[in-house]
Amino acid sequence: MIKNNKILYDMIKKIEIAKSPAMYLGKLSLVYLQIYLSGFEKAQNELGYNDFRSLSNFSFFVAEYFQDSPNPGWANVILRNTNDENEAFETFFELYHKYANSDYIIDLEKWITEGFKV
């Protein structure tokens, strides 16, 4: 479970409950959130906190949820399947919590043999 990475989990929780997520991101943007979290994870890695389950598989989790391609990343998959940024943010947190509480493992054979939806 991704909750094992308490630092990342807590950061995402702070953004979720913030009255203004733009305080962390600059503006309400799911792409900005993806960039912010990627940088946050990179910093954790550089500081030696690399023994955790990251968001690296989250794109595949989201793609499977929407039966969509994981390219070019979870933010764009969510945006393609929602009506606006507000709905996209709500959907991100809903899917993130499902992912964080799951034992999700990518089925690479499925992705290789079935390919990606275009």
PDB file of N, CA and C in Angstrom:
ATOM      1  N   MET A   1       0.830  -1.185   0.000  1.00  0.00           N
ATOM      2  CA  MET A   1       0.000   0.000   0.000  1.00  0.00           C
ATOM      3  C   MET A   1       0.877   1.252   0.000  1.00  0.00           C
ATOM      4  N   ILE A   2       0.441   2.239  -0.742  1.00  0.00           N
ATOM      5  CA  ILE A   2       1.216   3.471  -0.835  1.00  0.00           C
ATOM      6  C   ILE A   2       1.231   4.240   0.475  1.00  0.00           C
ATOM      7  N   LYS A   3       0.314   3.922   1.388  1.00  0.00           N
ATOM      8  CA  LYS A   3       0.323   4.573   2.702  1.00  0.00           C
ATOM      9  C   LYS A   3       1.637   4.315   3.427  1.00  0.00           C
ATOM     10  N   ASN A   4       2.385   3.282   3.000  1.00  0.00           N
ATOM     11  CA  ASN A   4       3.692   3.026   3.592  1.00  0.00           C
ATOM     12  C   ASN A   4       4.616   4.219   3.382  1.00  0.00           C
ATOM     13  N   ASN A   5       4.379   5.007   2.342  1.00  0.00           N
ATOM     14  CA  ASN A   5       5.139   6.235   2.114  1.00  0.00           C
ATOM     15  C   ASN A   5       4.366   7.368   2.786  1.00  0.00           C
ATOM     16  N   LYS A   6       4.515   7.476   4.079  1.00  0.00           N
ATOM     17  CA  LYS A   6       3.738   8.442   4.860  1.00  0.00           C
ATOM     18  C   LYS A   6       4.010   9.875   4.434  1.00  0.00           C
ATOM     19  N   ILE A   7       5.227  10.185   4.037  1.00  0.00           N
ATOM     20  CA  ILE A   7       5.566  11.552   3.644  1.00  0.00           C
ATOM     21  C   ILE A   7       4.768  11.953   2.407  1.00  0.00           C
ATOM     22  N   LEU A   8       4.763  11.108   1.377  1.00  0.00           N
ATOM     23  CA  LEU A   8       4.000  11.404   0.159  1.00  0.00           C
ATOM     24  C   LEU A   8       2.508  11.419   0.451  1.00  0.00           C
ATOM     25  N   TYR A   9       2.045  10.424   1.200  1.00  0.00           N
ATOM     26  CA  TYR A   9       0.621  10.335   1.546  1.00  0.00           C
ATOM     27  C   TYR A   9       0.168  11.594   2.282  1.00  0.00           C
ATOM     28  N   ASP A  10       0.974  12.046   3.244  1.00  0.00           N
ATOM     29  CA  ASP A  10       0.623  13.247   4.011  1.00  0.00           C
ATOM     30  C   ASP A  10       0.632  14.497   3.129  1.00  0.00           C
ATOM     31  N   MET A  11       1.585  14.588   2.198  1.00  0.00           N
ATOM     32  CA  MET A  11       1.634  15.749   1.306  1.00  0.00           C
ATOM     33  C   MET A  11       0.376  15.802   0.437  1.00  0.00           C
ATOM     34  N   ILE A  12      -0.027  14.675  -0.110  1.00  0.00           N
ATOM     35  CA  ILE A  12      -1.231  14.644  -0.944  1.00  0.00           C
ATOM     36  C   ILE A  12      -2.457  14.985  -0.098  1.00  0.00           C
ATOM     37  N   LYS A  13      -2.491  14.514   1.126  1.00  0.00           N
ATOM     38  CA  LYS A  13      -3.606  14.825   2.032  1.00  0.00           C
ATOM     39  C   LYS A  13      -3.662  16.326   2.315  1.00  0.00           C
ATOM     40  N   LYS A  14      -2.501  16.975   2.519  1.00  0.00           N
ATOM     41  CA  LYS A  14      -2.461  18.422   2.755  1.00  0.00           C
ATOM     42  C   LYS A  14      -3.039  19.181   1.564  1.00  0.00           C
ATOM     43  N   ILE A  15      -2.672  18.757   0.370  1.00  0.00           N
ATOM     44  CA  ILE A  15      -3.182  19.421  -0.835  1.00  0.00           C
ATOM     45  C   ILE A  15      -4.683  19.196  -0.954  1.00  0.00           C
ATOM     46  N   GLU A  16      -5.133  17.990  -0.624  1.00  0.00           N
ATOM     47  CA  GLU A  16      -6.560  17.657  -0.730  1.00  0.00           C
ATOM     48  C   GLU A  16      -7.409  18.509   0.210  1.00  0.00           C
ATOM     49  N   ILE A  17      -6.959  18.702   1.437  1.00  0.00           N
ATOM     50  CA  ILE A  17      -7.788  19.424   2.399  1.00  0.00           C
ATOM     51  C   ILE A  17      -7.525  20.928   2.411  1.00  0.00           C
ATOM     52  N   ALA A  18      -6.538  21.370   1.649  1.00  0.00           N
ATOM     53  CA  ALA A  18      -6.227  22.806   1.602  1.00  0.00           C
ATOM     54  C   ALA A  18      -7.421  23.578   1.048  1.00  0.00           C
ATOM     55  N   LYS A  19      -7.674  24.725   1.630  1.00  0.00           N
ATOM     56  CA  LYS A  19      -8.754  25.562   1.104  1.00  0.00           C
ATOM     57  C   LYS A  19      -8.414  26.051  -0.287  1.00  0.00           C
ATOM     58  N   SER A  20      -7.129  26.158  -0.563  1.00  0.00           N
ATOM     59  CA  SER A  20      -6.678  26.596  -1.874  1.00  0.00           C
ATOM     60  C   SER A  20      -5.479  25.743  -2.311  1.00  0.00           C
ATOM     61  N   PRO A  21      -5.729  24.666  -3.071  1.00  0.00           N
ATOM     62  CA  PRO A  21      -4.607  23.861  -3.552  1.00  0.00           C
ATOM     63  C   PRO A  21      -3.598  24.675  -4.367  1.00  0.00           C
ATOM     64  N   ALA A  22      -4.046  25.816  -4.901  1.00  0.00           N
ATOM     65  CA  ALA A  22      -3.147  26.682  -5.667  1.00  0.00           C
ATOM     66  C   ALA A  22      -2.012  27.200  -4.792  1.00  0.00           C
ATOM     67  N   MET A  23      -2.197  27.189  -3.475  1.00  0.00           N
ATOM     68  CA  MET A  23      -1.145  27.594  -2.553  1.00  0.00           C
ATOM     69  C   MET A  23       0.095  26.714  -2.759  1.00  0.00           C
ATOM     70  N   TYR A  24      -0.109  25.445  -3.085  1.00  0.00           N
ATOM     71  CA  TYR A  24       0.986  24.518  -3.338  1.00  0.00           C
ATOM     72  C   TYR A  24       1.390  24.504  -4.809  1.00  0.00           C
ATOM     73  N   LEU A  25       0.414  24.732  -5.703  1.00  0.00           N
ATOM     74  CA  LEU A  25       0.623  24.464  -7.124  1.00  0.00           C
ATOM     75  C   LEU A  25       0.768  25.699  -8.005  1.00  0.00           C
ATOM     76  N   GLY A  26       0.396  26.852  -7.510  1.00  0.00           N
ATOM     77  CA  GLY A  26       0.411  28.053  -8.334  1.00  0.00           C
ATOM     78  C   GLY A  26      -0.954  28.354  -8.925  1.00  0.00           C
ATOM     79  N   LYS A  27      -1.664  27.320  -9.337  1.00  0.00           N
ATOM     80  CA  LYS A  27      -3.043  27.433  -9.799  1.00  0.00           C
ATOM     81  C   LYS A  27      -3.684  26.058  -9.752  1.00  0.00           C
ATOM     82  N   LEU A  28      -4.999  26.024  -9.803  1.00  0.00           N
ATOM     83  CA  LEU A  28      -5.720  24.759  -9.775  1.00  0.00           C
ATOM     84  C   LEU A  28      -5.532  24.072 -11.124  1.00  0.00           C
ATOM     85  N   SER A  29      -4.608  23.136 -11.169  1.00  0.00           N
ATOM     86  CA  SER A  29      -4.286  22.442 -12.412  1.00  0.00           C
ATOM     87  C   SER A  29      -3.816  21.037 -12.076  1.00  0.00           C
ATOM     88  N   LEU A  30      -4.471  20.046 -12.675  1.00  0.00           N
ATOM     89  CA  LEU A  30      -4.078  18.667 -12.423  1.00  0.00           C
ATOM     90  C   LEU A  30      -2.696  18.385 -12.990  1.00  0.00           C
ATOM     91  N   VAL A  31      -2.357  18.996 -14.104  1.00  0.00           N
ATOM     92  CA  VAL A  31      -1.017  18.826 -14.674  1.00  0.00           C
ATOM     93  C   VAL A  31       0.028  19.416 -13.718  1.00  0.00           C
ATOM     94  N   TYR A  32      -0.266  20.577 -13.128  1.00  0.00           N
ATOM     95  CA  TYR A  32       0.642  21.163 -12.135  1.00  0.00           C
ATOM     96  C   TYR A  32       0.791  20.230 -10.934  1.00  0.00           C
ATOM     97  N   LEU A  33      -0.306  19.591 -10.528  1.00  0.00           N
ATOM     98  CA  LEU A  33      -0.248  18.648  -9.418  1.00  0.00           C
ATOM     99  C   LEU A  33       0.672  17.483  -9.768  1.00  0.00           C
ATOM    100  N   GLN A  34       0.544  16.960 -10.978  1.00  0.00           N
ATOM    101  CA  GLN A  34       1.399  15.853 -11.400  1.00  0.00           C
ATOM    102  C   GLN A  34       2.875  16.276 -11.382  1.00  0.00           C
ATOM    103  N   ILE A  35       3.162  17.456 -11.873  1.00  0.00           N
ATOM    104  CA  ILE A  35       4.540  17.965 -11.880  1.00  0.00           C
ATOM    105  C   ILE A  35       5.038  18.150 -10.438  1.00  0.00           C
ATOM    106  N   TYR A  36       4.214  18.727  -9.582  1.00  0.00           N
ATOM    107  CA  TYR A  36       4.579  18.957  -8.183  1.00  0.00           C
ATOM    108  C   TYR A  36       4.900  17.634  -7.484  1.00  0.00           C
ATOM    109  N   LEU A  37       4.020  16.645  -7.649  1.00  0.00           N
ATOM    110  CA  LEU A  37       4.232  15.358  -6.985  1.00  0.00           C
ATOM    111  C   LEU A  37       5.434  14.619  -7.553  1.00  0.00           C
ATOM    112  N   SER A  38       5.685  14.767  -8.849  1.00  0.00           N
ATOM    113  CA  SER A  38       6.880  14.149  -9.443  1.00  0.00           C
ATOM    114  C   SER A  38       8.140  14.748  -8.831  1.00  0.00           C
ATOM    115  N   GLY A  39       8.156  16.065  -8.681  1.00  0.00           N
ATOM    116  CA  GLY A  39       9.296  16.725  -8.049  1.00  0.00           C
ATOM    117  C   GLY A  39       9.446  16.333  -6.589  1.00  0.00           C
ATOM    118  N   PHE A  40       8.323  16.214  -5.899  1.00  0.00           N
ATOM    119  CA  PHE A  40       8.334  15.811  -4.492  1.00  0.00           C
ATOM    120  C   PHE A  40       8.936  14.417  -4.351  1.00  0.00           C
ATOM    121  N   GLU A  41       8.513  13.488  -5.223  1.00  0.00           N
ATOM    122  CA  GLU A  41       9.056  12.129  -5.184  1.00  0.00           C
ATOM    123  C   GLU A  41      10.540  12.111  -5.532  1.00  0.00           C
ATOM    124  N   LYS A  42      10.931  12.915  -6.503  1.00  0.00           N
ATOM    125  CA  LYS A  42      12.342  12.999  -6.899  1.00  0.00           C
ATOM    126  C   LYS A  42      13.179  13.467  -5.711  1.00  0.00           C
ATOM    127  N   ALA A  43      12.704  14.488  -4.995  1.00  0.00           N
ATOM    128  CA  ALA A  43      13.427  14.988  -3.825  1.00  0.00           C
ATOM    129  C   ALA A  43      13.532  13.900  -2.752  1.00  0.00           C
ATOM    130  N   GLN A  44      12.454  13.147  -2.541  1.00  0.00           N
ATOM    131  CA  GLN A  44      12.496  12.056  -1.565  1.00  0.00           C
ATOM    132  C   GLN A  44      13.561  11.036  -1.956  1.00  0.00           C
ATOM    133  N   ASN A  45      13.591  10.697  -3.231  1.00  0.00           N
ATOM    134  CA  ASN A  45      14.579   9.740  -3.740  1.00  0.00           C
ATOM    135  C   ASN A  45      15.994  10.236  -3.482  1.00  0.00           C
ATOM    136  N   GLU A  46      16.230  11.503  -3.789  1.00  0.00           N
ATOM    137  CA  GLU A  46      17.557  12.095  -3.620  1.00  0.00           C
ATOM    138  C   GLU A  46      17.979  12.107  -2.151  1.00  0.00           C
ATOM    139  N   LEU A  47      17.009  12.212  -1.252  1.00  0.00           N
ATOM    140  CA  LEU A  47      17.305  12.228   0.179  1.00  0.00           C
ATOM    141  C   LEU A  47      17.388  10.824   0.780  1.00  0.00           C
ATOM    142  N   GLY A  48      17.230   9.810  -0.069  1.00  0.00           N
ATOM    143  CA  GLY A  48      17.365   8.439   0.392  1.00  0.00           C
ATOM    144  C   GLY A  48      16.085   7.762   0.826  1.00  0.00           C
ATOM    145  N   TYR A  49      14.947   8.422   0.638  1.00  0.00           N
ATOM    146  CA  TYR A  49      13.657   7.797   0.968  1.00  0.00           C
ATOM    147  C   TYR A  49      13.153   7.046  -0.254  1.00  0.00           C
ATOM    148  N   ASN A  50      13.863   5.990  -0.630  1.00  0.00           N
ATOM    149  CA  ASN A  50      13.516   5.302  -1.865  1.00  0.00           C
ATOM    150  C   ASN A  50      12.987   3.892  -1.639  1.00  0.00           C
ATOM    151  N   ASP A  51      12.611   3.578  -0.431  1.00  0.00           N
ATOM    152  CA  ASP A  51      12.090   2.240  -0.158  1.00  0.00           C
ATOM    153  C   ASP A  51      10.574   2.291   0.030  1.00  0.00           C
ATOM    154  N   PHE A  52       9.900   2.893  -0.923  1.00  0.00           N
ATOM    155  CA  PHE A  52       8.459   3.036  -0.819  1.00  0.00           C
ATOM    156  C   PHE A  52       7.811   2.787  -2.169  1.00  0.00           C
ATOM    157  N   ARG A  53       6.530   2.585  -2.143  1.00  0.00           N
ATOM    158  CA  ARG A  53       5.757   2.435  -3.362  1.00  0.00           C
ATOM    159  C   ARG A  53       5.347   3.823  -3.818  1.00  0.00           C
ATOM    160  N   SER A  54       5.827   4.215  -4.960  1.00  0.00           N
ATOM    161  CA  SER A  54       5.592   5.569  -5.443  1.00  0.00           C
ATOM    162  C   SER A  54       4.334   5.639  -6.302  1.00  0.00           C
ATOM    163  N   LEU A  55       4.175   6.771  -6.950  1.00  0.00           N
ATOM    164  CA  LEU A  55       3.063   6.959  -7.883  1.00  0.00           C
ATOM    165  C   LEU A  55       3.399   6.448  -9.283  1.00  0.00           C
ATOM    166  N   SER A  56       4.533   5.764  -9.437  1.00  0.00           N
ATOM    167  CA  SER A  56       4.947   5.350 -10.778  1.00  0.00           C
ATOM    168  C   SER A  56       3.929   4.441 -11.467  1.00  0.00           C
ATOM    169  N   ASN A  57       3.203   3.645 -10.720  1.00  0.00           N
ATOM    170  CA  ASN A  57       2.198   2.757 -11.311  1.00  0.00           C
ATOM    171  C   ASN A  57       0.814   3.396 -11.381  1.00  0.00           C
ATOM    172  N   PHE A  58       0.685   4.597 -10.844  1.00  0.00           N
ATOM    173  CA  PHE A  58      -0.619   5.245 -10.768  1.00  0.00           C
ATOM    174  C   PHE A  58      -1.215   5.506 -12.147  1.00  0.00           C
ATOM    175  N   SER A  59      -0.373   5.833 -13.137  1.00  0.00           N
ATOM    176  CA  SER A  59      -0.885   6.057 -14.501  1.00  0.00           C
ATOM    177  C   SER A  59      -1.577   4.811 -15.041  1.00  0.00           C
ATOM    178  N   PHE A  60      -0.997   3.642 -14.769  1.00  0.00           N
ATOM    179  CA  PHE A  60      -1.609   2.399 -15.235  1.00  0.00           C
ATOM    180  C   PHE A  60      -2.900   2.111 -14.469  1.00  0.00           C
ATOM    181  N   PHE A  61      -2.905   2.390 -13.179  1.00  0.00           N
ATOM    182  CA  PHE A  61      -4.102   2.218 -12.363  1.00  0.00           C
ATOM    183  C   PHE A  61      -5.240   3.081 -12.911  1.00  0.00           C
ATOM    184  N   VAL A  62      -4.943   4.349 -13.176  1.00  0.00           N
ATOM    185  CA  VAL A  62      -5.939   5.294 -13.702  1.00  0.00           C
ATOM    186  C   VAL A  62      -6.393   4.858 -15.087  1.00  0.00           C
ATOM    187  N   ALA A  63      -5.447   4.450 -15.921  1.00  0.00           N
ATOM    188  CA  ALA A  63      -5.789   4.008 -17.280  1.00  0.00           C
ATOM    189  C   ALA A  63      -6.710   2.796 -17.247  1.00  0.00           C
ATOM    190  N   GLU A  64      -6.425   1.860 -16.371  1.00  0.00           N
ATOM    191  CA  GLU A  64      -7.294   0.685 -16.248  1.00  0.00           C
ATOM    192  C   GLU A  64      -8.678   1.093 -15.743  1.00  0.00           C
ATOM    193  N   TYR A  65      -8.733   2.017 -14.810  1.00  0.00           N
ATOM    194  CA  TYR A  65     -10.005   2.481 -14.282  1.00  0.00           C
ATOM    195  C   TYR A  65     -10.879   3.058 -15.396  1.00  0.00           C
ATOM    196  N   PHE A  66     -10.271   3.880 -16.253  1.00  0.00           N
ATOM    197  CA  PHE A  66     -11.021   4.521 -17.337  1.00  0.00           C
ATOM    198  C   PHE A  66     -11.002   3.713 -18.644  1.00  0.00           C
ATOM    199  N   GLN A  67     -10.305   2.590 -18.647  1.00  0.00           N
ATOM    200  CA  GLN A  67     -10.112   1.803 -19.867  1.00  0.00           C
ATOM    201  C   GLN A  67      -9.576   2.707 -20.974  1.00  0.00           C
ATOM    202  N   ASP A  68      -8.449   3.320 -20.680  1.00  0.00           N
ATOM    203  CA  ASP A  68      -7.835   4.327 -21.537  1.00  0.00           C
ATOM    204  C   ASP A  68      -6.338   4.056 -21.593  1.00  0.00           C
ATOM    205  N   SER A  69      -5.629   4.796 -22.417  1.00  0.00           N
ATOM    206  CA  SER A  69      -4.174   4.697 -22.492  1.00  0.00           C
ATOM    207  C   SER A  69      -3.547   5.446 -21.319  1.00  0.00           C
ATOM    208  N   PRO A  70      -2.447   4.928 -20.766  1.00  0.00           N
ATOM    209  CA  PRO A  70      -1.787   5.637 -19.670  1.00  0.00           C
ATOM    210  C   PRO A  70      -0.931   6.807 -20.151  1.00  0.00           C
ATOM    211  N   ASN A  71      -0.883   7.021 -21.425  1.00  0.00           N
ATOM    212  CA  ASN A  71      -0.047   8.091 -21.984  1.00  0.00           C
ATOM    213  C   ASN A  71      -0.865   9.346 -22.190  1.00  0.00           C
ATOM    214  N   PRO A  72      -0.359  10.503 -21.939  1.00  0.00           N
ATOM    215  CA  PRO A  72       0.959  10.848 -21.387  1.00  0.00           C
ATOM    216  C   PRO A  72       0.934  11.081 -19.883  1.00  0.00           C
ATOM    217  N   GLY A  73       0.346  10.219 -19.110  1.00  0.00           N
ATOM    218  CA  GLY A  73       0.372  10.337 -17.654  1.00  0.00           C
ATOM    219  C   GLY A  73      -1.019  10.451 -17.056  1.00  0.00           C
ATOM    220  N   TRP A  74      -1.076  10.184 -15.751  1.00  0.00           N
ATOM    221  CA  TRP A  74      -2.369  10.101 -15.068  1.00  0.00           C
ATOM    222  C   TRP A  74      -3.153  11.401 -15.123  1.00  0.00           C
ATOM    223  N   ALA A  75      -2.492  12.538 -15.073  1.00  0.00           N
ATOM    224  CA  ALA A  75      -3.233  13.811 -15.098  1.00  0.00           C
ATOM    225  C   ALA A  75      -4.007  13.955 -16.400  1.00  0.00           C
ATOM    226  N   ASN A  76      -3.361  13.664 -17.507  1.00  0.00           N
ATOM    227  CA  ASN A  76      -4.030  13.800 -18.797  1.00  0.00           C
ATOM    228  C   ASN A  76      -5.128  12.751 -18.995  1.00  0.00           C
ATOM    229  N   VAL A  77      -4.925  11.562 -18.454  1.00  0.00           N
ATOM    230  CA  VAL A  77      -5.965  10.532 -18.542  1.00  0.00           C
ATOM    231  C   VAL A  77      -7.200  10.995 -17.776  1.00  0.00           C
ATOM    232  N   ILE A  78      -7.002  11.513 -16.572  1.00  0.00           N
ATOM    233  CA  ILE A  78      -8.139  12.001 -15.782  1.00  0.00           C
ATOM    234  C   ILE A  78      -8.814  13.176 -16.482  1.00  0.00           C
ATOM    235  N   LEU A  79      -8.019  14.112 -16.992  1.00  0.00           N
ATOM    236  CA  LEU A  79      -8.597  15.272 -17.684  1.00  0.00           C
ATOM    237  C   LEU A  79      -9.399  14.858 -18.917  1.00  0.00           C
ATOM    238  N   ARG A  80      -8.925  13.844 -19.641  1.00  0.00           N
ATOM    239  CA  ARG A  80      -9.668  13.360 -20.819  1.00  0.00           C
ATOM    240  C   ARG A  80     -11.019  12.771 -20.440  1.00  0.00           C
ATOM    241  N   ASN A  81     -11.128  12.304 -19.212  1.00  0.00           N
ATOM    242  CA  ASN A  81     -12.328  11.579 -18.789  1.00  0.00           C
ATOM    243  C   ASN A  81     -13.186  12.328 -17.782  1.00  0.00           C
ATOM    244  N   THR A  82     -12.926  13.619 -17.619  1.00  0.00           N
ATOM    245  CA  THR A  82     -13.741  14.462 -16.749  1.00  0.00           C
ATOM    246  C   THR A  82     -14.104  15.743 -17.500  1.00  0.00           C
ATOM    247  N   ASN A  83     -14.990  16.528 -16.917  1.00  0.00           N
ATOM    248  CA  ASN A  83     -15.512  17.709 -17.609  1.00  0.00           C
ATOM    249  C   ASN A  83     -14.720  18.988 -17.382  1.00  0.00           C
ATOM    250  N   ASP A  84     -14.036  19.106 -16.233  1.00  0.00           N
ATOM    251  CA  ASP A  84     -13.288  20.333 -15.950  1.00  0.00           C
ATOM    252  C   ASP A  84     -12.257  20.051 -14.859  1.00  0.00           C
ATOM    253  N   GLU A  85     -11.459  21.068 -14.538  1.00  0.00           N
ATOM    254  CA  GLU A  85     -10.394  20.909 -13.540  1.00  0.00           C
ATOM    255  C   GLU A  85     -10.937  20.541 -12.164  1.00  0.00           C
ATOM    256  N   ASN A  86     -12.051  21.135 -11.757  1.00  0.00           N
ATOM    257  CA  ASN A  86     -12.612  20.816 -10.433  1.00  0.00           C
ATOM    258  C   ASN A  86     -12.999  19.345 -10.347  1.00  0.00           C
ATOM    259  N   GLU A  87     -13.689  18.867 -11.357  1.00  0.00           N
ATOM    260  CA  GLU A  87     -14.060  17.446 -11.378  1.00  0.00           C
ATOM    261  C   GLU A  87     -12.814  16.570 -11.458  1.00  0.00           C
ATOM    262  N   ALA A  88     -11.829  17.014 -12.228  1.00  0.00           N
ATOM    263  CA  ALA A  88     -10.580  16.260 -12.366  1.00  0.00           C
ATOM    264  C   ALA A  88      -9.868  16.140 -11.020  1.00  0.00           C
ATOM    265  N   PHE A  89      -9.841  17.247 -10.246  1.00  0.00           N
ATOM    266  CA  PHE A  89      -9.212  17.206  -8.922  1.00  0.00           C
ATOM    267  C   PHE A  89      -9.946  16.234  -8.012  1.00  0.00           C
ATOM    268  N   GLU A  90     -11.264  16.306  -7.977  1.00  0.00           N
ATOM    269  CA  GLU A  90     -12.045  15.392  -7.153  1.00  0.00           C
ATOM    270  C   GLU A  90     -11.787  13.944  -7.565  1.00  0.00           C
ATOM    271  N   THR A  91     -11.748  13.706  -8.862  1.00  0.00           N
ATOM    272  CA  THR A  91     -11.512  12.356  -9.379  1.00  0.00           C
ATOM    273  C   THR A  91     -10.119  11.875  -9.003  1.00  0.00           C
ATOM    274  N   PHE A  92      -9.119  12.774  -9.093  1.00  0.00           N
ATOM    275  CA  PHE A  92      -7.755  12.388  -8.699  1.00  0.00           C
ATOM    276  C   PHE A  92      -7.740  11.872  -7.268  1.00  0.00           C
ATOM    277  N   PHE A  93      -8.304  12.634  -6.338  1.00  0.00           N
ATOM    278  CA  PHE A  93      -8.250  12.234  -4.929  1.00  0.00           C
ATOM    279  C   PHE A  93      -9.029  10.946  -4.689  1.00  0.00           C
ATOM    280  N   GLU A  94     -10.152  10.788  -5.358  1.00  0.00           N
ATOM    281  CA  GLU A  94     -10.921   9.540  -5.242  1.00  0.00           C
ATOM    282  C   GLU A  94     -10.081   8.356  -5.726  1.00  0.00           C
ATOM    283  N   LEU A  95      -9.470   8.493  -6.902  1.00  0.00           N
ATOM    284  CA  LEU A  95      -8.661   7.396  -7.452  1.00  0.00           C
ATOM    285  C   LEU A  95      -7.382   7.190  -6.653  1.00  0.00           C
ATOM    286  N   TYR A  96      -6.794   8.286  -6.194  1.00  0.00           N
ATOM    287  CA  TYR A  96      -5.571   8.166  -5.391  1.00  0.00           C
ATOM    288  C   TYR A  96      -5.839   7.337  -4.137  1.00  0.00           C
ATOM    289  N   HIS A  97      -6.944   7.598  -3.451  1.00  0.00           N
ATOM    290  CA  HIS A  97      -7.239   6.851  -2.231  1.00  0.00           C
ATOM    291  C   HIS A  97      -7.497   5.370  -2.543  1.00  0.00           C
ATOM    292  N   LYS A  98      -8.169   5.088  -3.651  1.00  0.00           N
ATOM    293  CA  LYS A  98      -8.362   3.682  -4.054  1.00  0.00           C
ATOM    294  C   LYS A  98      -7.009   3.019  -4.313  1.00  0.00           C
ATOM    295  N   TYR A  99      -6.144   3.722  -5.031  1.00  0.00           N
ATOM    296  CA  TYR A  99      -4.807   3.206  -5.348  1.00  0.00           C
ATOM    297  C   TYR A  99      -3.977   3.025  -4.077  1.00  0.00           C
ATOM    298  N   ALA A 100      -3.999   4.034  -3.207  1.00  0.00           N
ATOM    299  CA  ALA A 100      -3.195   4.000  -1.982  1.00  0.00           C
ATOM    300  C   ALA A 100      -3.592   2.848  -1.072  1.00  0.00           C
ATOM    301  N   ASN A 101      -4.843   2.458  -1.107  1.00  0.00           N
ATOM    302  CA  ASN A 101      -5.328   1.390  -0.243  1.00  0.00           C
ATOM    303  C   ASN A 101      -5.360   0.030  -0.926  1.00  0.00           C
ATOM    304  N   SER A 102      -4.830  -0.033  -2.130  1.00  0.00           N
ATOM    305  CA  SER A 102      -4.843  -1.291  -2.873  1.00  0.00           C
ATOM    306  C   SER A 102      -3.454  -1.921  -2.876  1.00  0.00           C
ATOM    307  N   ASP A 103      -3.398  -3.116  -3.368  1.00  0.00           N
ATOM    308  CA  ASP A 103      -2.129  -3.799  -3.597  1.00  0.00           C
ATOM    309  C   ASP A 103      -1.890  -3.889  -5.106  1.00  0.00           C
ATOM    310  N   TYR A 104      -2.220  -2.818  -5.810  1.00  0.00           N
ATOM    311  CA  TYR A 104      -2.174  -2.801  -7.265  1.00  0.00           C
ATOM    312  C   TYR A 104      -0.783  -3.138  -7.789  1.00  0.00           C
ATOM    313  N   ILE A 105      -0.748  -4.039  -8.741  1.00  0.00           N
ATOM    314  CA  ILE A 105       0.477  -4.397  -9.457  1.00  0.00           C
ATOM    315  C   ILE A 105       0.149  -4.361 -10.941  1.00  0.00           C
ATOM    316  N   ILE A 106       1.027  -3.743 -11.712  1.00  0.00           N
ATOM    317  CA  ILE A 106       0.817  -3.666 -13.162  1.00  0.00           C
ATOM    318  C   ILE A 106       0.865  -5.064 -13.755  1.00  0.00           C
ATOM    319  N   ASP A 107      -0.093  -5.372 -14.607  1.00  0.00           N
ATOM    320  CA  ASP A 107      -0.076  -6.604 -15.376  1.00  0.00           C
ATOM    321  C   ASP A 107       0.590  -6.281 -16.712  1.00  0.00           C
ATOM    322  N   LEU A 108       1.941  -6.319 -16.723  1.00  0.00           N
ATOM    323  CA  LEU A 108       2.685  -5.920 -17.923  1.00  0.00           C
ATOM    324  C   LEU A 108       2.351  -6.791 -19.132  1.00  0.00           C
ATOM    325  N   GLU A 109       2.120  -8.067 -18.894  1.00  0.00           N
ATOM    326  CA  GLU A 109       1.775  -8.949 -20.008  1.00  0.00           C
ATOM    327  C   GLU A 109       0.491  -8.482 -20.688  1.00  0.00           C
ATOM    328  N   LYS A 110      -0.476  -8.071 -19.893  1.00  0.00           N
ATOM    329  CA  LYS A 110      -1.733  -7.555 -20.442  1.00  0.00           C
ATOM    330  C   LYS A 110      -1.473  -6.308 -21.278  1.00  0.00           C
ATOM    331  N   TRP A 111      -0.682  -5.383 -20.722  1.00  0.00           N
ATOM    332  CA  TRP A 111      -0.403  -4.137 -21.442  1.00  0.00           C
ATOM    333  C   TRP A 111       0.371  -4.401 -22.731  1.00  0.00           C
ATOM    334  N   ILE A 112       1.259  -5.393 -22.711  1.00  0.00           N
ATOM    335  CA  ILE A 112       2.056  -5.705 -23.905  1.00  0.00           C
ATOM    336  C   ILE A 112       1.198  -6.394 -24.950  1.00  0.00           C
ATOM    337  N   THR A 113       0.390  -7.382 -24.527  1.00  0.00           N
ATOM    338  CA  THR A 113      -0.379  -8.153 -25.505  1.00  0.00           C
ATOM    339  C   THR A 113      -1.625  -7.398 -25.999  1.00  0.00           C
ATOM    340  N   GLU A 114      -2.285  -6.670 -25.109  1.00  0.00           N
ATOM    341  CA  GLU A 114      -3.509  -5.974 -25.510  1.00  0.00           C
ATOM    342  C   GLU A 114      -3.245  -4.568 -26.003  1.00  0.00           C
ATOM    343  N   GLY A 115      -2.112  -4.017 -25.647  1.00  0.00           N
ATOM    344  CA  GLY A 115      -1.774  -2.667 -26.076  1.00  0.00           C
ATOM    345  C   GLY A 115      -2.593  -1.631 -25.340  1.00  0.00           C
ATOM    346  N   PHE A 116      -2.472  -0.415 -25.807  1.00  0.00           N
ATOM    347  CA  PHE A 116      -3.157   0.715 -25.188  1.00  0.00           C
ATOM    348  C   PHE A 116      -4.324   1.144 -26.048  1.00  0.00           C
ATOM    349  N   LYS A 117      -5.382   1.565 -25.398  1.00  0.00           N
ATOM    350  CA  LYS A 117      -6.519   2.124 -26.112  1.00  0.00           C
ATOM    351  C   LYS A 117      -6.099   3.477 -26.671  1.00  0.00           C
ATOM    352  N   VAL A 118      -6.518   3.750 -27.873  1.00  0.00           N
ATOM    353  CA  VAL A 118      -6.154   5.034 -28.491  1.00  0.00           C
ATOM    354  C   VAL A 118      -7.356   5.942 -28.543  1.00  0.00           C
TER     355      VAL A 118
END
